Protein backbone atom coordinates (compact mmCIF):
# COMPACT_ATOMS: atom_id res chain seq x y z
CA MET A 1 -4.37 15.31 30.78
CA GLN A 2 -4.18 12.68 28.28
CA PRO A 3 -0.46 12.62 26.53
CA THR A 4 -0.51 14.63 22.57
CA ARG A 5 -0.33 12.22 19.29
CA ARG A 6 3.49 12.35 18.02
CA SER A 7 3.07 12.97 13.75
CA TYR A 8 5.04 12.20 11.63
CA SER A 9 6.07 13.74 8.00
CA LYS A 10 5.52 11.33 4.51
CA SER A 11 8.87 11.67 3.98
CA PHE A 12 10.21 9.66 7.35
CA LYS A 13 7.22 7.73 7.14
CA ALA A 14 8.30 6.85 3.43
CA GLN A 15 12.24 6.05 4.45
CA ILE A 16 11.48 4.05 7.43
CA ILE A 17 9.29 1.47 4.86
CA GLN A 18 12.43 1.89 3.01
CA ALA A 19 15.65 0.76 5.36
CA CYS A 20 12.46 -2.20 6.59
CA ALA A 21 12.67 -3.31 2.66
CA GLN A 22 16.36 -3.53 2.69
CA THR A 23 17.97 -6.58 2.26
CA GLY A 24 18.65 -8.53 6.35
CA ALA A 25 17.03 -5.51 8.16
CA SER A 26 14.05 -6.63 10.32
CA ILE A 27 10.93 -4.03 10.89
CA ALA A 28 11.62 -4.09 14.79
CA SER A 29 15.47 -3.32 13.78
CA VAL A 30 14.48 -0.27 12.00
CA ALA A 31 11.48 0.42 14.76
CA LEU A 32 14.71 0.46 17.44
CA SER A 33 16.91 2.05 16.32
CA HIS A 34 14.48 5.05 15.79
CA SER A 35 13.23 5.05 18.62
CA LEU A 36 9.18 3.65 16.93
CA ASN A 37 6.79 0.96 17.52
CA ALA A 38 6.92 -1.76 15.67
CA ASN A 39 3.36 -2.31 15.74
CA LEU A 40 4.11 1.71 14.05
CA VAL A 41 5.49 0.68 11.61
CA HIS A 42 4.18 -2.47 10.50
CA LYS A 43 1.15 -0.54 10.13
CA TRP A 44 2.82 1.99 8.27
CA ILE A 45 3.77 -0.99 5.59
CA ARG A 46 -0.39 -2.19 5.30
CA LEU A 47 -1.33 1.04 4.56
CA GLN A 48 1.72 2.14 2.15
CA ALA A 49 0.72 -1.19 0.24
CA GLN A 50 -2.85 -0.99 -0.31
CA LYS A 51 -1.96 3.01 -1.60
CA SER A 52 -0.10 0.69 -3.79
CA THR A 53 -2.55 -1.71 -4.60
CA ALA A 54 -4.68 1.06 -4.76
CA LEU A 55 -3.71 2.96 -7.03
CA GLN A 56 -2.54 -0.15 -9.32
CA PRO A 57 -4.38 -0.25 -13.56
CA THR A 58 -6.14 -4.12 -13.58
CA PHE A 59 -7.82 -5.49 -16.75
CA ILE A 60 -10.60 -6.66 -16.79
CA GLN A 61 -11.58 -8.91 -19.15
CA LEU A 62 -15.66 -8.46 -20.27
CA PRO A 63 -17.27 -10.29 -22.83
CA VAL A 64 -18.12 -9.50 -26.35
CA PRO A 65 -21.21 -10.48 -27.45
CA LEU A 66 -21.07 -11.13 -31.78
CA ALA A 67 -23.07 -9.03 -34.05
CA ARG A 68 -24.88 -11.52 -36.52
CA ALA A 69 -24.01 -10.65 -39.93
CA ASN A 70 -27.88 -10.19 -41.09
CA PRO A 71 -29.46 -9.04 -38.37
CA THR A 72 -33.34 -10.55 -38.30
CA TYR A 73 -36.08 -6.90 -37.67
CA HIS A 74 -39.06 -7.65 -36.20
C-alpha cells in the first residue's frame, strides 16, 4: 500500500513563500518549522517565480520600415 501524497492549499504555499522572503529567514528553517521538506519549499518558490515572470508583459521592439515619400509603381 502506497502512502497518500499530501496536498497543500495555494494560500498555505503563499504563506510559506512569504515567510521565506522575510529578512533573515532561511528556507530550511521555515520548512522545518512547518514540518516540510526544504526541497518542496524550493520547488514552490521556483514555480511561483515562473508564474510571475510568465505573466509580466514584455516590450519587444520591432523594426518598422519607413514608407517612401514618392512611391514608384511598376
